[in-house]
């Protein structure tokens, strides 16, 4: 079984919604790194011209490769990444090897076989 790593950088207010939607789309777990800092194409400023740091969470998902694109698209929709600049971003990377996922393989095998 092959895996992909999905990294999602989301506004902290949307983290729970993204986690719930990703699980419904087939993700079997996630790791959340709180209080990352990020900015989009244009730096957000206050009315005094000071920079405004928007808190982000980084969510990492190790998912089965056949489910990865669907989960990635779900994350984008729920996180509203394409609605306007600076909402968030998600990327997909190949995973060469993974350990600690043996307990998920049985469940994933049934889900993937049903989709293929």
Protein backbone atom coordinates (compact mmCIF):
# COMPACT_ATOMS: atom_id res chain seq x y z
CA UNK A 1 0.00 0.00 0.00
CA UNK A 2 1.30 3.45 -0.92
CA UNK A 3 0.72 6.70 0.93
CA UNK A 4 0.68 10.45 0.35
CA UNK A 5 1.38 13.20 2.86
CA UNK A 6 -1.14 16.02 2.78
CA UNK A 7 -0.05 19.26 4.44
CA UNK A 8 -2.78 21.83 5.02
CA UNK A 9 -2.10 25.32 6.31
CA UNK A 10 -5.43 26.64 7.58
CA UNK A 11 -6.75 29.48 9.70
CA UNK A 12 -7.06 28.19 13.25
CA UNK A 13 -10.81 28.92 13.24
CA UNK A 14 -11.28 26.39 10.41
CA UNK A 15 -9.13 23.57 11.78
CA UNK A 16 -11.94 21.50 13.30
CA UNK A 17 -14.11 21.79 10.18
CA UNK A 18 -11.20 20.71 7.96
CA UNK A 19 -10.39 17.76 10.25
CA UNK A 20 -14.00 16.59 10.28
CA UNK A 21 -14.40 16.90 6.51
CA UNK A 22 -11.09 15.13 5.81
CA UNK A 23 -12.10 12.22 8.05
CA UNK A 24 -15.43 11.96 6.25
CA UNK A 25 -13.53 11.93 2.93
CA UNK A 26 -11.35 9.01 4.05
CA UNK A 27 -8.52 10.32 6.22
CA UNK A 28 -7.88 7.98 9.14
CA UNK A 29 -6.10 10.48 11.37
CA UNK A 30 -4.13 13.71 11.49
CA UNK A 31 -1.50 15.63 13.37
CA UNK A 32 -2.14 19.31 14.12
CA UNK A 33 0.66 21.78 14.75
CA UNK A 34 -0.79 24.89 16.38
CA UNK A 35 0.21 28.52 16.15
CA UNK A 36 2.07 28.64 12.87
CA UNK A 37 2.33 32.07 11.31
CA UNK A 38 1.59 32.77 7.70
CA UNK A 39 0.65 35.34 5.16
CA UNK A 40 -0.66 35.24 1.63
CA UNK A 41 0.06 37.24 -1.47
CA UNK A 42 -0.53 40.51 0.38
CA UNK A 43 0.42 41.13 4.00
CA UNK A 44 -2.63 41.95 6.12
CA UNK A 45 -2.40 45.25 7.97
CA UNK A 46 -4.46 47.06 10.59
CA UNK A 47 -5.83 50.55 10.17
CA UNK A 48 -2.66 51.94 11.79
CA UNK A 49 -0.55 50.31 9.06
CA UNK A 50 0.82 47.69 11.45
CA UNK A 51 1.19 44.13 10.28
CA UNK A 52 -1.46 41.67 11.43
CA UNK A 53 -0.24 38.14 12.01
CA UNK A 54 -2.91 35.59 11.25
CA UNK A 55 -2.56 32.41 13.29
CA UNK A 56 -2.55 29.22 11.30
CA UNK A 57 -2.57 25.56 12.10
CA UNK A 58 -0.59 23.05 10.08
CA UNK A 59 -2.46 19.76 9.65
CA UNK A 60 -0.58 16.68 8.46
CA UNK A 61 -2.44 13.69 7.03
CA UNK A 62 -0.84 10.42 5.90
CA UNK A 63 -3.44 8.98 3.53
CA UNK A 64 -3.71 6.10 1.07
CA UNK A 65 -2.75 7.31 -2.42
CA UNK A 66 -6.09 6.45 -4.07
CA UNK A 67 -7.94 8.62 -1.53
CA UNK A 68 -5.46 11.51 -1.50
CA UNK A 69 -6.86 13.70 -4.29
CA UNK A 70 -10.42 13.48 -2.99
CA UNK A 71 -9.31 14.40 0.52
CA UNK A 72 -7.18 17.27 -0.82
CA UNK A 73 -10.15 18.68 -2.75
CA UNK A 74 -12.37 18.36 0.34
CA UNK A 75 -9.82 20.25 2.44
CA UNK A 76 -9.74 23.03 -0.19
CA UNK A 77 -13.52 23.37 -0.25
CA UNK A 78 -14.02 23.40 3.51
CA UNK A 79 -11.03 25.68 4.09
CA UNK A 80 -12.27 28.01 1.32
CA UNK A 81 -8.70 28.30 0.01
CA UNK A 82 -9.67 29.56 -3.44
CA UNK A 83 -12.35 32.01 -2.24
CA UNK A 84 -9.81 34.79 -1.61
CA UNK A 85 -6.11 35.33 -1.07
CA UNK A 86 -4.61 34.23 2.25
CA UNK A 87 -7.25 31.66 3.23
CA UNK A 88 -4.87 28.71 3.26
CA UNK A 89 -3.08 26.18 1.14
CA UNK A 90 -2.78 22.41 0.97
CA UNK A 91 -0.16 20.30 -0.80
CA UNK A 92 0.33 16.62 -1.52
CA UNK A 93 3.70 14.86 -1.33
CA UNK A 94 4.73 11.27 -2.06
CA UNK A 95 5.65 9.19 0.98
CA UNK A 96 8.54 6.87 0.27
CA UNK A 97 8.02 4.76 3.39
CA UNK A 98 5.92 4.84 6.55
CA UNK A 99 5.79 2.99 9.84
CA UNK A 100 3.10 3.08 12.49
CA UNK A 101 0.25 2.66 10.01
CA UNK A 102 -0.14 -1.11 10.19
CA UNK A 103 -3.24 -0.84 12.36
CA UNK A 104 -4.90 1.32 9.68
CA UNK A 105 -4.01 -0.94 6.73
CA UNK A 106 -6.85 -3.40 7.30
CA UNK A 107 -9.49 -0.67 7.26
CA UNK A 108 -7.87 1.16 4.36
CA UNK A 109 -7.63 -2.03 2.27
CA UNK A 110 -11.41 -2.50 2.46
CA UNK A 111 -12.12 1.16 1.63
CA UNK A 112 -9.71 1.26 -1.32
CA UNK A 113 -10.94 -2.06 -2.76
CA UNK A 114 -14.50 -0.71 -2.68
CA UNK A 115 -13.43 2.44 -4.58
CA UNK A 116 -11.46 0.53 -7.22
